[in-house]
Each structure stands twice: as structure tokens, then as C-alpha cells.
Amino acid sequence: MGTFESLMHGFSVVFTATNLAYCLLGVVIGTIIGLLPGLGPVAVIALLLPVTFNLEPATGIIMLAGIYYGAMYGGRIPSILIGIPGDGPAIIATLDGYPLAKEGRAGSALGISAIGSFIGGSVSLIGLAFLAVPLARFAGSIGAPEIFLLAAAGLSLIVFIGSGSKLKSALMAALGLLATIGIDPIEGTVRLTGGSVGLMGGLNIVAIAVGLFGLGDVLFRAEKPAENIDGSLKITNIFPSMQDWIMTRAAIARSSIVAFFAGVMPGGGGTLGAVVSYATQRKFSKQPEKFGKGAIDGLAAAETGDNGSAVSSFIPLLTLGLPPNPALALIFGALLLQNVTPGPRLVDEHPDVFWGVIASLIIGNVILLILNLPMIRVFVQLLRIRGSILAPIIVVVSLAGVYSVQHSMFDVGVAVVFGVLGYLLKKFEYDLGPLILAFILGPILEAEFRRTMLLSHGSFDIFFLRPVSAVLVGLIFVAVVAPQVRRLLTRRRRDEETRNIKDLESERT
């Protein structure tokens, strides 16, 4: 049976009353969960896992996949409207989405993010349907060296590309080394905790993000004059304009492709796809200086990358049996509990599950677009709430969300500390982007680098001997080193021209 016939079989599986109802239920629950900072799809999938025991394997996985994918959509809403990201991928959307909302362009931001998410997800779904098996073999050749270089490329592009202060960006990225606090990922030993039991598990990324972006912004705005806080924000447009679409279409197209391959790699997924897509767009953008200050193409790239890689991350899960993130690890567990083993034989042994999940993601993607676009008018009304009322609500919801992740008051304290830090960094005009990205990518960088060194017995030759890693090294050099060399040569040429002009003027006199 060919791919098209198999996909049609998948649609026949989903288009039953039961499966379609569970698909709709999953994406709606996921969207609602995404609206609540700190909760995320992992907690909800874990809570609903027992429900799937009494369902058919395809039905249960369709519902869980809908929750996971719906949460990717829903997570952008609080990130854009009130600057509170609920999980890793949503953090990248906050960097430009929230500044756009403060400019009165919340409607454009929400619309572009919904459209970008739909297109990115659709491209990955096409790839998932037609290229899953051969790409699974390719993904099997991806190891620690390639994942390390991909994460390094994302972080280095964010830090070194653009017109902001390179020193400040580098300092913020260095502060992200705090991500190494906790248990050593290779040896399992405790480090840098100072004897604190709370730090043994490391610093929770949700607590850090909520503190920096949510509480930090509340504190920063609290010192502004009352009329600036409480005045109703003027919403200039509800849906993206034609100019917005023209500015973002290249970013969406480029990020759809980048995100697909980021998700295919074992260890990829929403966060890595969003980071790499955002960094890539910053490299190609005509206005890189606007990134972090309200670049709509940056938001489009992040959201396209988030959802595109979230979909394509099902490829290593279904075809290799390698879950790339905690949410998909729970779905992996749900499959095992149903006596379904993900891997190369899944397509032949359980075609209803394999093709049913792919078809349900296609249907869920359409449902989410239909649900989200008309709701933009409702969402933007949040911005009309007076700041004196909204600020305490943000604080309470944020801290409750942080507590709900691990039921830890220590995490609440971390959020408060980073809220104060976020306020101080905003006050002294430091960019929070490199800091939070270093927290996200830092553990990946360290763990994969050390695994690489173990594989190569301490030799750096491994980065040049493996084809994919060698290509990535070349791309990093071109993207990061080459612009610095070009800038240096341009400066020397200008200095030489200035000296020549001065020499001519002195000869005339």
C-alpha cells in the first residue's frame, strides 16, 4: 500500500465519531492548558494517561497527540499578551510577541503566530506522511556531535548576530551557565548546589522564564507613572495586515523547512526548532536590530519553528522509538501500555496507530486554526484590563503556575528572585534573550559535548570526520565568524579611505 493510500486509511481511522471526538477534545484541552502559564502538556498528559487504558490504542494516542499539539498553539497566547511563557518554546515567542502587544499590535501578533503555526505544522505533516521512513534512517545517524553543534549554532547566532551590544549579550549568555547547577548529566554527581536540597534538581526553566518575563515586567512597569500602567492600550488592528504578511512570508517558509529537520533529530522538538528558526531568521532579516523589540518576522519564525518541529518530532518517536521530549516520552509510555512498541516495525504491525496519528494531527491542525483565528478578538481584550487589576492577577497566576509544575515552593522562590533580576536587567537595558536561551540550550550543550568527547576519547576530530557535523561546523563559521571578518575588513577599508582623504586635503593645502 502506497503512502497516499495509507494516509487515506489513516483518515478513515480518525473519521469515526469516537476518534474525531477525542481528537477535538485533545486539541481543546491542549489549547486551554497552553493558556495557563507553568502547567504545560506534560502534567496534563500524565494526569490523563490512565484514561487511555480503557480506549483503543489509536483513540488514546490521538487524544494525547491532540493535547500535545494544542498546547503548542495555546502557549503563545499568554506569551504574547502578558509576557508570561508557560514552557520552553513559548519563551521564544515572548521575545518579540510581547513587545508587539505593547505597541498595540496584539491582533497582528496572534494572527501571524496562528498562521505561521498552521503552515509550519502543515509542512511538517506532509514530510511526516511522505518522508517518515527514509528520514528516520537519516535521524538514526544523528548523534551527540550534531546535536551539540545545532544547539551551539542557535545560541551563537542569537548572541553575535544583530546590532545590539555584543558584550552585554555575551554576559547574559554567560549568566546562563547557572543552568549547570544540580546533578551532573553524565556522572550523576551533585554540583554547585552549596548544600541546598532545592538546587539538587537544578533551576526550573519555567520558574526562571516566569520570573524574568512575567514578574520582572510587572516590577518594571510598577515604577512607571500610574496613567501609563492603567491607561487602556489602543489596539490598532485585530488581524495581520497585508504588509505583515509580506514581511513574514519568507520567515514562515524558511522556518518551516528548518523546523522540520530540527524536529527529526532525536533530542529535537519544539524548543530547539523555535530557537534555531528564530536565530536563522535573525541572520536573514533586513532589520536584525528589531529582534527582541517587536520584530514580527522574528515572532513568525519562532512560532513556525515551534509547531513545525513539534510535529516532525513524532518521526523519531514513531519510527525509531526515541521520544525527543518529556511530553512525547509520556505518549511513548502510553503506547507501550497498549502493547504497541514504537519503532521501525510500527508501520507494518500497527498501521491504524501510525497513520491514524498522522491523520489526526492534520485534522487537529485545521481545527486549531479555525478555533484560534476567530478568538483573536476575545484574546486581545485581556490588554484592555487596567494594569492595577491585571498586575496582581499576573503575579498570582504566574506563581501558582510555577508551583503546579513540581509542587515546589522552592521554585516559587526562584521565580521571585529571577523576577527581581529581570527588573534590574530591564532597567539597565540588558537583553533577556541570550540569558533565557542559554538556560534552555546550556544543559543540551554540556551534555552532548561531554558525550561527544567520550565517544571520541577527547579528540575534536569527530566534528570534522562525521559528514553532518562537518557541514554544521562550516555553517557556524559562515554565520558567525565570516560576518565579523567582513566587518573588520570594512572598517579597515573605511579607515584607509579616511586617511587617503586627509592626505589629499593636506596636499591641497
Protein backbone atom coordinates (compact mmCIF):
# COMPACT_ATOMS: atom_id res chain seq x y z
CA MET A 1 0.00 0.00 0.00
CA GLY A 2 1.43 3.37 -1.08
CA THR A 3 1.79 6.48 1.07
CA PHE A 4 -1.33 8.18 -0.28
CA GLU A 5 -3.47 5.06 0.23
CA SER A 6 -2.02 4.64 3.74
CA LEU A 7 -2.83 8.25 4.58
CA MET A 8 -6.39 7.77 3.34
CA HIS A 9 -6.58 4.74 5.63
CA GLY A 10 -5.45 7.00 8.49
CA PHE A 11 -8.27 9.45 7.73
CA SER A 12 -10.75 6.58 7.74
CA VAL A 13 -9.49 5.71 11.23
CA VAL A 14 -9.91 9.28 12.51
CA PHE A 15 -13.24 9.98 10.80
CA THR A 16 -15.22 7.85 13.19
CA ALA A 17 -17.45 9.52 15.78
CA THR A 18 -15.31 8.34 18.69
CA ASN A 19 -11.88 9.18 17.32
CA LEU A 20 -12.96 12.53 15.93
CA ALA A 21 -14.50 13.45 19.28
CA TYR A 22 -11.30 12.53 21.15
CA CYS A 23 -9.20 14.47 18.61
CA LEU A 24 -11.35 17.58 19.17
CA LEU A 25 -11.28 17.05 22.94
CA GLY A 26 -7.48 16.75 22.90
CA VAL A 27 -6.77 19.93 20.94
CA VAL A 28 -9.27 21.95 23.01
CA ILE A 29 -7.79 20.71 26.30
CA GLY A 30 -4.30 21.38 24.96
CA THR A 31 -5.17 24.94 23.97
CA ILE A 32 -6.67 25.65 27.39
CA ILE A 33 -3.63 24.15 29.11
CA GLY A 34 -1.36 26.32 26.96
CA LEU A 35 -3.20 29.38 28.27
CA LEU A 36 -2.16 28.56 31.86
CA PRO A 37 1.48 29.53 32.49
CA GLY A 38 3.54 26.77 34.04
CA LEU A 39 1.18 23.85 33.58
CA GLY A 40 2.14 22.63 30.11
CA PRO A 41 1.21 19.45 28.26
CA VAL A 42 3.40 17.11 30.33
CA ALA A 43 1.34 17.45 33.51
CA VAL A 44 -1.99 17.06 31.71
CA ILE A 45 -0.86 14.05 29.64
CA ALA A 46 0.40 12.45 32.86
CA LEU A 47 -2.97 13.09 34.56
CA LEU A 48 -4.98 11.72 31.62
CA LEU A 49 -2.73 8.75 30.95
CA PRO A 50 -4.93 6.34 32.97
CA VAL A 51 -7.91 7.38 30.83
CA THR A 52 -6.26 5.87 27.76
CA PHE A 53 -6.03 2.41 29.32
CA ASN A 54 -9.67 1.68 28.51
CA LEU A 55 -9.52 3.13 24.99
CA GLU A 56 -8.41 1.62 21.73
CA PRO A 57 -4.68 2.28 21.11
CA ALA A 58 -5.33 4.62 18.16
CA THR A 59 -8.04 6.54 20.06
CA GLY A 60 -5.92 7.09 23.16
CA ILE A 61 -2.85 8.25 21.24
CA ILE A 62 -4.96 10.54 19.03
CA MET A 63 -6.25 12.30 22.16
CA LEU A 64 -2.79 12.61 23.76
CA ALA A 65 -1.26 13.86 20.49
CA GLY A 66 -4.05 16.47 20.28
CA ILE A 67 -3.26 17.68 23.80
CA TYR A 68 0.43 17.97 22.98
CA TYR A 69 -0.11 19.81 19.71
CA GLY A 70 -2.92 22.01 21.08
CA ALA A 71 -0.66 23.14 23.93
CA MET A 72 1.88 24.33 21.36
CA TYR A 73 -0.80 26.62 19.93
CA GLY A 74 -2.20 27.77 23.27
CA GLY A 75 1.18 28.54 24.81
CA ARG A 76 1.70 31.53 22.53
CA ILE A 77 -1.33 33.43 23.88
CA PRO A 78 -0.08 34.40 27.39
CA SER A 79 3.43 34.82 25.96
CA ILE A 80 2.26 37.45 23.50
CA LEU A 81 -0.44 39.16 25.57
CA ILE A 82 1.08 39.39 29.04
CA GLY A 83 4.68 38.28 28.52
CA ILE A 84 4.44 35.08 30.58
CA PRO A 85 5.75 31.98 28.77
CA GLY A 86 4.45 28.69 30.07
CA ASP A 87 7.14 26.42 28.62
CA GLY A 88 10.40 26.39 26.65
CA PRO A 89 9.06 27.00 23.13
CA ALA A 90 6.76 29.80 24.31
CA ILE A 91 9.76 31.68 25.71
CA ILE A 92 11.00 32.43 22.20
CA ALA A 93 7.58 33.81 21.21
CA THR A 94 7.72 36.17 24.20
CA LEU A 95 10.87 37.91 22.94
CA ASP A 96 9.04 39.72 20.12
CA GLY A 97 5.38 38.86 20.70
CA TYR A 98 5.04 40.80 23.95
CA PRO A 99 6.75 43.96 22.62
CA LEU A 100 4.36 43.83 19.65
CA ALA A 101 1.39 43.61 22.05
CA LYS A 102 2.68 46.64 23.97
CA GLU A 103 2.77 48.53 20.66
CA GLY A 104 -0.93 47.79 20.18
CA ARG A 105 -0.30 45.07 17.59
CA ALA A 106 -1.51 42.10 19.62
CA GLY A 107 -4.00 41.15 16.91
CA SER A 108 -1.30 41.04 14.26
CA ALA A 109 0.99 39.06 16.56
CA LEU A 110 -1.67 36.47 17.42
CA GLY A 111 -2.80 36.20 13.81
CA ILE A 112 0.68 35.75 12.36
CA SER A 113 1.59 33.24 15.05
CA ALA A 114 -1.56 31.21 14.29
CA ILE A 115 -0.94 31.30 10.54
CA GLY A 116 2.77 30.52 10.95
CA SER A 117 1.96 27.66 13.31
CA PHE A 118 -0.54 26.24 10.82
CA ILE A 119 1.84 26.48 7.85
CA GLY A 120 4.82 25.13 9.79
CA GLY A 121 2.74 22.26 11.12
CA SER A 122 1.31 21.52 7.67
CA VAL A 123 4.75 21.37 6.04
CA SER A 124 5.98 19.01 8.75
CA LEU A 125 2.86 16.88 8.41
CA ILE A 126 3.49 16.49 4.67
CA GLY A 127 7.07 15.48 5.44
CA LEU A 128 5.89 13.19 8.22
CA ALA A 129 3.50 11.41 5.88
CA PHE A 130 5.77 11.03 2.86
CA LEU A 131 9.30 11.04 4.25
CA ALA A 132 9.00 9.43 7.68
CA VAL A 133 10.76 6.16 6.92
CA PRO A 134 13.81 7.46 4.96
CA LEU A 135 14.22 10.41 7.34
CA ALA A 136 14.11 8.04 10.26
CA ARG A 137 17.18 6.32 8.84
CA PHE A 138 18.85 9.73 8.48
CA ALA A 139 17.90 10.68 12.03
CA GLY A 140 19.48 7.46 13.22
CA SER A 141 22.86 8.77 12.05
CA ILE A 142 22.47 11.92 14.14
CA GLY A 143 24.29 11.77 17.44
CA ALA A 144 25.77 13.88 20.19
CA PRO A 145 28.20 15.86 17.97
CA GLU A 146 25.43 17.05 15.63
CA ILE A 147 23.01 17.95 18.43
CA PHE A 148 25.76 19.89 20.24
CA LEU A 149 26.64 21.85 17.09
CA LEU A 150 23.00 22.58 16.31
CA ALA A 151 22.43 23.96 19.81
CA ALA A 152 25.70 25.92 19.64
CA ALA A 153 24.69 27.41 16.30
CA GLY A 154 21.36 28.58 17.71
CA LEU A 155 22.93 30.23 20.74
CA SER A 156 25.85 31.80 18.88
CA LEU A 157 23.60 33.30 16.23
CA ILE A 158 21.42 34.88 18.90
CA VAL A 159 24.41 36.33 20.75
CA PHE A 160 26.59 37.53 17.89
CA ILE A 161 24.20 38.47 15.10
CA GLY A 162 22.48 41.87 15.22
CA SER A 163 23.24 45.42 16.19
CA GLY A 164 22.92 45.18 19.98
CA SER A 165 25.81 45.24 22.39
CA LYS A 166 27.83 42.08 21.85
CA LEU A 167 29.39 42.43 25.31
CA LYS A 168 26.01 42.62 27.03
CA SER A 169 24.71 39.69 25.01
CA ALA A 170 27.79 37.62 25.86
CA LEU A 171 27.42 38.47 29.57
CA MET A 172 23.78 37.40 29.50
CA ALA A 173 24.69 34.14 27.78
CA ALA A 174 27.44 33.54 30.36
CA LEU A 175 24.89 34.03 33.14
CA GLY A 176 23.02 31.14 31.58
CA LEU A 177 25.78 28.86 32.91
CA LEU A 178 23.67 28.74 36.07
CA ALA A 179 21.80 26.03 34.15
CA THR A 180 24.64 23.67 35.12
CA ILE A 181 23.56 23.75 38.77
CA GLY A 182 22.22 20.43 40.01
CA ILE A 183 23.03 16.84 39.11
CA ASP A 184 25.79 16.16 36.60
CA PRO A 185 24.08 14.72 33.47
CA ILE A 186 26.93 12.27 32.78
CA GLU A 187 28.35 11.23 36.14
CA GLY A 188 25.23 11.76 38.26
CA THR A 189 27.08 13.72 40.96
CA VAL A 190 25.70 16.80 42.69
CA ARG A 191 27.46 20.08 41.88
CA LEU A 192 27.25 23.83 42.55
CA THR A 193 24.34 23.47 44.99
CA GLY A 194 26.04 24.89 48.06
CA GLY A 195 24.40 22.18 50.12
CA SER A 196 20.88 23.25 49.09
CA VAL A 197 18.46 20.35 48.64
CA GLY A 198 16.24 22.52 46.43
CA LEU A 199 19.04 23.10 43.96
CA MET A 200 19.80 19.40 43.51
CA GLY A 201 17.21 19.21 40.75
CA GLY A 202 18.62 22.31 39.08
CA LEU A 203 16.85 25.58 38.33
CA ASN A 204 13.43 25.03 36.78
CA ILE A 205 13.24 26.72 33.38
CA VAL A 206 9.55 27.61 33.83
CA ALA A 207 10.29 29.35 37.14
CA ILE A 208 13.14 31.28 35.54
CA ALA A 209 11.10 32.30 32.49
CA VAL A 210 8.07 33.37 34.52
CA GLY A 211 10.29 35.37 36.85
CA LEU A 212 12.30 37.13 34.14
CA PHE A 213 9.46 37.92 31.77
CA GLY A 214 6.35 37.95 33.97
CA LEU A 215 7.29 39.22 37.42
CA GLY A 216 10.20 41.27 36.10
CA ASP A 217 7.92 43.16 33.72
CA VAL A 218 5.32 43.75 36.45
CA LEU A 219 8.01 45.26 38.69
CA PHE A 220 9.44 47.31 35.83
CA ARG A 221 6.08 48.78 34.91
CA ALA A 222 5.13 49.37 38.55
CA GLU A 223 7.60 52.25 38.80
CA LYS A 224 6.07 53.97 35.76
CA PRO A 225 3.51 56.76 36.23
CA ALA A 226 0.06 55.40 37.06
CA GLU A 227 -1.51 56.61 33.84
CA ASN A 228 0.96 54.52 31.80
CA ILE A 229 0.04 51.41 33.73
CA ASP A 230 -3.70 51.84 33.97
CA GLY A 231 -4.44 53.51 30.66
CA SER A 232 -6.28 51.36 28.13
CA LEU A 233 -3.94 50.16 25.41
CA LYS A 234 -5.01 51.13 21.93
CA ILE A 235 -5.34 48.08 19.73
CA THR A 236 -4.50 49.22 16.21
CA ASN A 237 -5.59 46.07 14.36
CA ILE A 238 -7.12 42.71 15.11
CA PHE A 239 -5.79 40.64 12.22
CA PRO A 240 -2.43 40.82 10.43
CA SER A 241 -2.30 43.28 7.56
CA MET A 242 -1.05 42.57 4.04
CA GLN A 243 2.21 44.33 4.97
CA ASP A 244 2.62 41.98 7.96
CA TRP A 245 2.09 39.00 5.68
CA ILE A 246 4.63 40.30 3.15
CA MET A 247 7.17 40.83 5.94
CA THR A 248 6.71 37.36 7.38
CA ARG A 249 6.07 35.05 4.43
CA ALA A 250 9.77 34.40 3.78
CA ALA A 251 10.37 33.81 7.50
CA ILE A 252 7.50 31.33 7.66
CA ALA A 253 8.65 29.47 4.54
CA ARG A 254 12.27 29.29 5.74
CA SER A 255 11.37 28.31 9.29
CA SER A 256 9.01 25.57 8.11
CA ILE A 257 11.93 23.77 6.50
CA VAL A 258 14.39 24.45 9.33
CA ALA A 259 11.86 23.32 11.94
CA PHE A 260 11.07 20.09 10.15
CA PHE A 261 14.69 18.93 10.20
CA ALA A 262 15.19 20.20 13.77
CA GLY A 263 12.29 18.05 14.92
CA VAL A 264 13.50 14.97 13.01
CA MET A 265 16.71 14.86 15.02
CA PRO A 266 16.50 12.75 18.17
CA GLY A 267 16.62 15.27 21.00
CA GLY A 268 14.94 17.96 18.91
CA GLY A 269 11.39 19.20 19.27
CA GLY A 270 9.54 22.46 19.90
CA THR A 271 12.18 24.38 21.84
CA LEU A 272 15.13 23.57 19.62
CA GLY A 273 13.06 24.17 16.49
CA ALA A 274 11.92 27.57 17.78
CA VAL A 275 15.43 28.63 18.78
CA VAL A 276 17.11 27.58 15.53
CA SER A 277 14.33 29.06 13.38
CA TYR A 278 14.46 32.34 15.30
CA ALA A 279 18.25 32.52 15.07
CA THR A 280 18.18 31.72 11.35
CA GLN A 281 15.62 34.43 10.65
CA ARG A 282 17.67 36.95 12.61
CA LYS A 283 20.57 36.15 10.31
CA PHE A 284 18.48 36.72 7.17
CA SER A 285 16.35 39.61 8.44
CA LYS A 286 16.74 43.07 6.93
CA GLN A 287 16.17 44.55 10.41
CA PRO A 288 18.01 42.30 12.91
CA GLU A 289 18.22 45.22 15.35
CA LYS A 290 14.45 44.92 15.94
CA PHE A 291 14.70 41.36 17.24
CA GLY A 292 13.69 41.30 20.89
CA LYS A 293 11.96 44.67 20.46
CA GLY A 294 8.98 43.71 18.33
CA ALA A 295 10.12 42.04 15.11
CA ILE A 296 7.06 40.39 13.61
CA ASP A 297 9.21 38.22 11.34
CA GLY A 298 11.06 37.00 14.44
CA LEU A 299 7.76 36.04 16.07
CA ALA A 300 6.62 34.30 12.88
CA ALA A 301 9.87 32.34 12.70
CA ALA A 302 9.68 31.27 16.36
CA GLU A 303 6.06 30.14 16.16
CA THR A 304 6.52 28.37 12.83
CA GLY A 305 9.61 26.63 14.23
CA ASP A 306 7.84 25.69 17.44
CA ASN A 307 4.86 23.95 15.85
CA GLY A 308 6.71 22.61 12.82
CA SER A 309 9.31 20.83 14.91
CA ALA A 310 6.67 19.68 17.40
CA VAL A 311 5.00 17.76 14.58
CA SER A 312 8.16 16.39 12.96
CA SER A 313 9.40 15.21 16.37
CA PHE A 314 6.84 12.41 16.01
CA ILE A 315 9.17 10.90 13.39
CA PRO A 316 11.87 9.71 15.83
CA LEU A 317 9.13 8.71 18.29
CA LEU A 318 7.08 6.57 15.89
CA THR A 319 9.81 5.21 13.61
CA LEU A 320 12.83 4.91 15.92
CA GLY A 321 11.18 4.63 19.31
CA LEU A 322 13.12 7.69 20.54
CA PRO A 323 10.93 10.25 22.35
CA PRO A 324 12.64 13.67 22.00
CA ASN A 325 10.99 15.44 24.96
CA PRO A 326 9.09 14.65 28.17
CA ALA A 327 5.63 15.03 26.61
CA LEU A 328 6.37 12.56 23.84
CA ALA A 329 8.06 10.28 26.37
CA LEU A 330 4.69 10.01 28.12
CA ILE A 331 3.00 9.24 24.79
CA PHE A 332 5.71 6.61 24.24
CA GLY A 333 4.78 5.12 27.60
CA ALA A 334 1.09 5.18 26.68
CA LEU A 335 1.87 3.20 23.52
CA LEU A 336 3.84 0.61 25.48
CA LEU A 337 0.97 0.22 27.95
CA GLN A 338 -1.26 -0.56 24.98
CA ASN A 339 1.21 -3.28 23.86
CA VAL A 340 2.26 -1.10 20.92
CA THR A 341 6.02 -0.70 20.55
CA PRO A 342 7.16 2.38 18.59
CA GLY A 343 9.95 1.65 16.14
CA PRO A 344 10.71 0.61 12.56
CA ARG A 345 8.07 -2.15 12.63
CA LEU A 346 5.24 0.09 13.86
CA VAL A 347 4.09 0.96 10.32
CA ASP A 348 3.60 -2.71 9.43
CA GLU A 349 2.37 -4.05 12.76
CA HIS A 350 0.04 -1.22 13.79
CA PRO A 351 -0.88 0.83 10.71
CA ASP A 352 -4.05 2.13 12.39
CA VAL A 353 -1.95 3.76 15.11
CA PHE A 354 0.78 5.11 12.83
CA TRP A 355 -1.40 6.55 10.08
CA GLY A 356 -4.23 7.42 12.46
CA VAL A 357 -1.92 9.68 14.50
CA ILE A 358 -0.63 11.42 11.35
CA ALA A 359 -4.17 11.97 10.03
CA SER A 360 -5.34 13.23 13.44
CA LEU A 361 -2.53 15.78 13.51
CA ILE A 362 -3.62 17.06 10.10
CA ILE A 363 -7.22 17.39 11.26
CA GLY A 364 -6.17 18.88 14.60
CA ASN A 365 -4.03 21.46 12.79
CA VAL A 366 -7.07 22.64 10.80
CA ILE A 367 -9.32 22.64 13.89
CA LEU A 368 -6.83 24.76 15.83
CA LEU A 369 -6.62 27.35 13.06
CA ILE A 370 -10.42 27.52 12.84
CA LEU A 371 -10.72 27.88 16.61
CA ASN A 372 -7.89 30.36 17.11
CA LEU A 373 -8.40 32.99 14.41
CA PRO A 374 -11.98 33.96 15.44
CA MET A 375 -10.86 34.06 19.09
CA ILE A 376 -8.27 36.78 18.48
CA ARG A 377 -10.84 39.49 19.28
CA VAL A 378 -11.56 37.80 22.59
CA PHE A 379 -7.89 37.30 23.49
CA VAL A 380 -6.88 40.93 22.88
CA GLN A 381 -9.50 42.11 25.37
CA LEU A 382 -7.07 40.99 28.08
CA LEU A 383 -4.96 44.01 27.17
CA ARG A 384 -7.83 46.38 27.99
CA ILE A 385 -7.86 45.36 31.65
CA ARG A 386 -6.42 48.11 33.84
CA GLY A 387 -2.85 47.47 34.88
CA SER A 388 -3.68 47.95 38.56
CA ILE A 389 -6.06 44.98 38.25
CA LEU A 390 -4.05 42.90 35.79
CA ALA A 391 -0.70 43.12 37.63
CA PRO A 392 -1.78 41.25 40.80
CA ILE A 393 -3.63 38.69 38.66
CA ILE A 394 -0.44 38.10 36.67
CA VAL A 395 1.58 37.65 39.87
CA VAL A 396 -0.88 35.18 41.41
CA VAL A 397 -1.41 33.15 38.23
CA SER A 398 2.31 33.09 37.49
CA LEU A 399 3.35 31.88 40.92
CA ALA A 400 0.52 29.33 41.01
CA GLY A 401 1.64 28.05 37.59
CA VAL A 402 5.25 27.76 38.76
CA TYR A 403 4.17 25.85 41.86
CA SER A 404 2.00 23.47 39.82
CA VAL A 405 4.94 22.21 37.74
CA GLN A 406 6.72 20.37 40.56
CA HIS A 407 4.63 21.38 43.59
CA SER A 408 7.69 23.13 44.94
CA MET A 409 7.78 26.32 46.98
CA PHE A 410 11.48 26.45 46.19
CA ASP A 411 10.58 27.04 42.53
CA VAL A 412 8.31 29.88 43.60
CA GLY A 413 11.26 31.44 45.41
CA VAL A 414 13.40 31.02 42.28
CA ALA A 415 10.72 32.82 40.25
CA VAL A 416 10.70 35.72 42.70
CA VAL A 417 14.50 36.02 42.67
CA PHE A 418 14.60 35.99 38.88
CA GLY A 419 11.73 38.46 38.84
CA VAL A 420 13.91 40.94 40.71
CA LEU A 421 16.83 40.10 38.42
CA GLY A 422 14.61 40.61 35.37
CA TYR A 423 13.55 44.01 36.67
CA LEU A 424 17.17 45.10 37.18
CA LEU A 425 18.23 43.84 33.73
CA LYS A 426 15.35 45.69 32.07
CA LYS A 427 16.23 48.83 33.99
CA PHE A 428 19.82 48.74 32.79
CA GLU A 429 18.76 47.78 29.23
CA TYR A 430 20.15 44.27 29.08
CA ASP A 431 18.65 41.89 26.53
CA LEU A 432 16.96 38.92 28.22
CA GLY A 433 17.02 36.81 25.06
CA PRO A 434 20.59 35.43 25.30
CA LEU A 435 20.11 34.75 29.02
CA ILE A 436 16.98 32.64 28.71
CA LEU A 437 18.24 30.90 25.58
CA ALA A 438 21.45 29.98 27.39
CA PHE A 439 19.33 28.46 30.16
CA ILE A 440 17.43 26.42 27.60
CA LEU A 441 20.38 25.34 25.50
CA GLY A 442 23.05 25.19 28.23
CA PRO A 443 22.18 21.71 29.52
CA ILE A 444 21.94 20.41 25.93
CA LEU A 445 25.31 21.92 25.05
CA GLU A 446 27.05 20.49 28.09
CA ALA A 447 25.55 17.00 27.98
CA GLU A 448 26.04 16.50 24.24
CA PHE A 449 29.57 17.94 24.26
CA ARG A 450 30.63 15.60 27.03
CA ARG A 451 29.03 12.64 25.28
CA THR A 452 30.90 13.64 22.14
CA MET A 453 34.20 13.75 24.00
CA LEU A 454 33.50 10.32 25.48
CA LEU A 455 32.79 8.94 22.00
CA SER A 456 35.98 10.45 20.54
CA HIS A 457 38.19 9.85 23.60
CA GLY A 458 38.76 13.59 23.91
CA SER A 459 39.52 14.27 20.24
CA PHE A 460 37.90 17.20 18.39
CA ASP A 461 38.42 15.40 15.08
CA ILE A 462 34.99 13.84 15.47
CA PHE A 463 33.34 17.15 14.50
CA PHE A 464 35.11 17.08 11.11
CA LEU A 465 35.03 13.35 10.37
CA ARG A 466 31.25 12.96 10.54
CA PRO A 467 29.54 14.39 7.41
CA VAL A 468 26.60 16.13 9.12
CA SER A 469 28.70 17.64 11.91
CA ALA A 470 31.30 18.85 9.39
CA VAL A 471 28.56 20.67 7.45
CA LEU A 472 27.28 22.24 10.68
CA VAL A 473 30.80 23.42 11.60
CA GLY A 474 31.02 25.10 8.20
CA LEU A 475 27.63 26.75 8.61
CA ILE A 476 28.55 28.09 12.05
CA PHE A 477 31.77 29.52 10.66
CA VAL A 478 29.96 31.21 7.78
CA ALA A 479 27.18 32.57 10.01
CA VAL A 480 29.26 33.78 12.96
CA VAL A 481 32.92 34.19 12.03
CA ALA A 482 32.56 35.40 8.45
CA PRO A 483 30.42 38.48 9.34
CA GLN A 484 32.97 39.51 11.97
CA VAL A 485 35.80 39.19 9.44
CA ARG A 486 33.78 41.14 6.87
CA ARG A 487 33.05 43.87 9.44
CA LEU A 488 36.75 44.10 10.30
CA LEU A 489 37.76 44.36 6.63
CA THR A 490 35.08 47.03 6.04
CA ARG A 491 36.38 49.04 8.98
CA ARG A 492 39.94 48.84 7.71
CA ARG A 493 38.82 49.94 4.25
CA ARG A 494 36.97 52.92 5.69
CA ASP A 495 39.99 53.88 7.79
CA GLU A 496 42.17 53.68 4.71
CA GLU A 497 39.73 55.83 2.72
CA THR A 498 39.67 58.36 5.55
CA ARG A 499 43.47 58.53 5.58
CA ASN A 500 43.55 58.96 1.80
CA ILE A 501 41.06 61.84 2.02
CA LYS A 502 43.12 63.50 4.73
CA ASP A 503 46.29 63.06 2.65
CA LEU A 504 44.61 64.69 -0.37
CA GLU A 505 43.39 67.59 1.74
CA SER A 506 46.85 68.12 3.21
CA GLU A 507 48.39 68.10 -0.31
CA ARG A 508 45.89 70.75 -1.46
CA THR A 509 46.71 72.99 1.45
